[in-house]
């Protein structure tokens, strides 16, 4: 039972790290895209 718990803990931890990592990458991507749009097309960062 201890080994099964450790496996589930590892899977849950990896899933959590993947979710947080994906969120961070997505936020950085949106910020970079907004800066690119503002420089290229002279659009406000808030649009």
N, C-alpha and C. Protein backbone atom coordinates (compact mmCIF):
# COMPACT_ATOMS: atom_id res chain seq x y z
N UNK A 1 0.82 -1.19 0.00
CA UNK A 1 0.00 0.00 0.00
C UNK A 1 0.87 1.27 0.00
N UNK A 2 2.00 1.19 0.65
CA UNK A 2 2.90 2.33 0.71
C UNK A 2 3.44 2.67 -0.68
N UNK A 3 3.79 1.65 -1.45
CA UNK A 3 4.33 1.87 -2.79
C UNK A 3 3.26 2.49 -3.69
N UNK A 4 2.03 2.00 -3.59
CA UNK A 4 0.93 2.55 -4.38
C UNK A 4 0.70 4.02 -4.04
N UNK A 5 0.77 4.35 -2.77
CA UNK A 5 0.62 5.75 -2.35
C UNK A 5 1.71 6.64 -2.91
N UNK A 6 2.93 6.14 -2.92
CA UNK A 6 4.05 6.91 -3.46
C UNK A 6 3.89 7.12 -4.97
N UNK A 7 3.40 6.11 -5.67
CA UNK A 7 3.18 6.24 -7.11
C UNK A 7 2.10 7.28 -7.38
N UNK A 8 0.99 7.22 -6.63
CA UNK A 8 -0.07 8.20 -6.80
C UNK A 8 0.41 9.61 -6.44
N UNK A 9 1.22 9.71 -5.42
CA UNK A 9 1.79 11.00 -5.04
C UNK A 9 2.66 11.57 -6.16
N UNK A 10 3.46 10.72 -6.77
CA UNK A 10 4.32 11.16 -7.88
C UNK A 10 3.51 11.59 -9.08
N UNK A 11 2.46 10.84 -9.41
CA UNK A 11 1.62 11.19 -10.55
C UNK A 11 0.89 12.51 -10.28
N UNK A 12 0.34 12.66 -9.08
CA UNK A 12 -0.35 13.89 -8.73
C UNK A 12 0.58 15.10 -8.73
N UNK A 13 1.77 14.91 -8.22
CA UNK A 13 2.75 16.01 -8.21
C UNK A 13 3.16 16.42 -9.61
N UNK A 14 3.38 15.42 -10.47
CA UNK A 14 3.76 15.72 -11.86
C UNK A 14 2.62 16.44 -12.58
N UNK A 15 1.39 16.00 -12.32
CA UNK A 15 0.23 16.64 -12.94
C UNK A 15 0.10 18.09 -12.47
N UNK A 16 0.29 18.33 -11.19
CA UNK A 16 0.23 19.69 -10.65
C UNK A 16 1.31 20.58 -11.23
N UNK A 17 2.52 20.07 -11.34
CA UNK A 17 3.62 20.84 -11.91
C UNK A 17 3.33 21.17 -13.37
N UNK A 18 2.78 20.20 -14.11
CA UNK A 18 2.45 20.42 -15.52
C UNK A 18 1.37 21.50 -15.66
N UNK A 19 0.37 21.48 -14.78
CA UNK A 19 -0.69 22.49 -14.85
C UNK A 19 -0.14 23.90 -14.57
N UNK A 20 0.65 24.01 -13.53
CA UNK A 20 1.22 25.31 -13.18
C UNK A 20 2.17 25.78 -14.28
N UNK A 21 2.98 24.87 -14.81
CA UNK A 21 3.91 25.22 -15.89
C UNK A 21 3.18 25.68 -17.14
N UNK A 22 2.11 24.99 -17.49
CA UNK A 22 1.32 25.39 -18.65
C UNK A 22 0.68 26.74 -18.48
N UNK A 23 0.21 27.02 -17.28
CA UNK A 23 -0.40 28.32 -17.00
C UNK A 23 0.63 29.43 -17.11
N UNK A 24 1.80 29.22 -16.56
CA UNK A 24 2.86 30.23 -16.61
C UNK A 24 3.29 30.48 -18.05
N UNK A 25 3.49 29.41 -18.82
CA UNK A 25 3.89 29.56 -20.23
C UNK A 25 2.80 30.31 -21.00
N UNK A 26 1.54 29.98 -20.74
CA UNK A 26 0.44 30.67 -21.42
C UNK A 26 0.40 32.15 -21.10
N UNK A 27 0.59 32.50 -19.83
CA UNK A 27 0.58 33.92 -19.44
C UNK A 27 1.74 34.68 -20.09
N UNK A 28 2.91 34.09 -20.08
CA UNK A 28 4.07 34.74 -20.71
C UNK A 28 3.83 34.91 -22.20
N UNK A 29 3.24 33.88 -22.83
CA UNK A 29 2.93 33.97 -24.26
C UNK A 29 1.96 35.10 -24.57
N UNK A 30 0.94 35.26 -23.75
CA UNK A 30 -0.03 36.35 -23.95
C UNK A 30 0.64 37.70 -23.80
N UNK A 31 1.49 37.85 -22.80
CA UNK A 31 2.18 39.13 -22.58
C UNK A 31 3.08 39.45 -23.77
N UNK A 32 3.83 38.46 -24.25
CA UNK A 32 4.72 38.68 -25.40
C UNK A 32 3.90 39.04 -26.64
N UNK A 33 2.78 38.34 -26.85
CA UNK A 33 1.92 38.63 -28.00
C UNK A 33 1.36 40.04 -27.93
N UNK A 34 0.95 40.48 -26.74
CA UNK A 34 0.40 41.82 -26.59
C UNK A 34 1.47 42.89 -26.85
N UNK A 35 2.69 42.65 -26.38
CA UNK A 35 3.78 43.60 -26.64
C UNK A 35 4.09 43.65 -28.13
N UNK A 36 4.13 42.48 -28.78
CA UNK A 36 4.38 42.43 -30.22
C UNK A 36 3.31 43.20 -30.98
N UNK A 37 2.03 42.99 -30.63
CA UNK A 37 0.93 43.69 -31.29
C UNK A 37 1.02 45.19 -31.09
N UNK A 38 1.40 45.60 -29.88
CA UNK A 38 1.48 47.03 -29.61
C UNK A 38 2.62 47.68 -30.39
N UNK A 39 3.71 46.97 -30.58
CA UNK A 39 4.84 47.52 -31.33
C UNK A 39 4.57 47.47 -32.83
N UNK A 40 3.96 46.41 -33.31
CA UNK A 40 3.75 46.23 -34.74
C UNK A 40 2.57 47.04 -35.27
N UNK A 41 1.45 47.01 -34.56
CA UNK A 41 0.23 47.61 -35.06
C UNK A 41 -0.21 48.86 -34.28
N UNK A 42 0.57 49.26 -33.29
CA UNK A 42 0.28 50.44 -32.46
C UNK A 42 -1.09 50.32 -31.79
N UNK A 43 -1.35 49.14 -31.23
CA UNK A 43 -2.58 48.87 -30.50
C UNK A 43 -2.26 48.94 -29.00
N UNK A 44 -3.21 49.40 -28.22
CA UNK A 44 -3.01 49.47 -26.77
C UNK A 44 -2.80 48.08 -26.18
N UNK A 45 -2.02 48.03 -25.12
CA UNK A 45 -1.80 46.75 -24.44
C UNK A 45 -3.08 46.23 -23.77
N UNK A 46 -4.03 47.10 -23.53
CA UNK A 46 -5.24 46.73 -22.81
C UNK A 46 -6.36 46.24 -23.72
N UNK A 47 -6.16 46.28 -25.04
CA UNK A 47 -7.19 45.80 -25.97
C UNK A 47 -7.05 44.30 -26.19
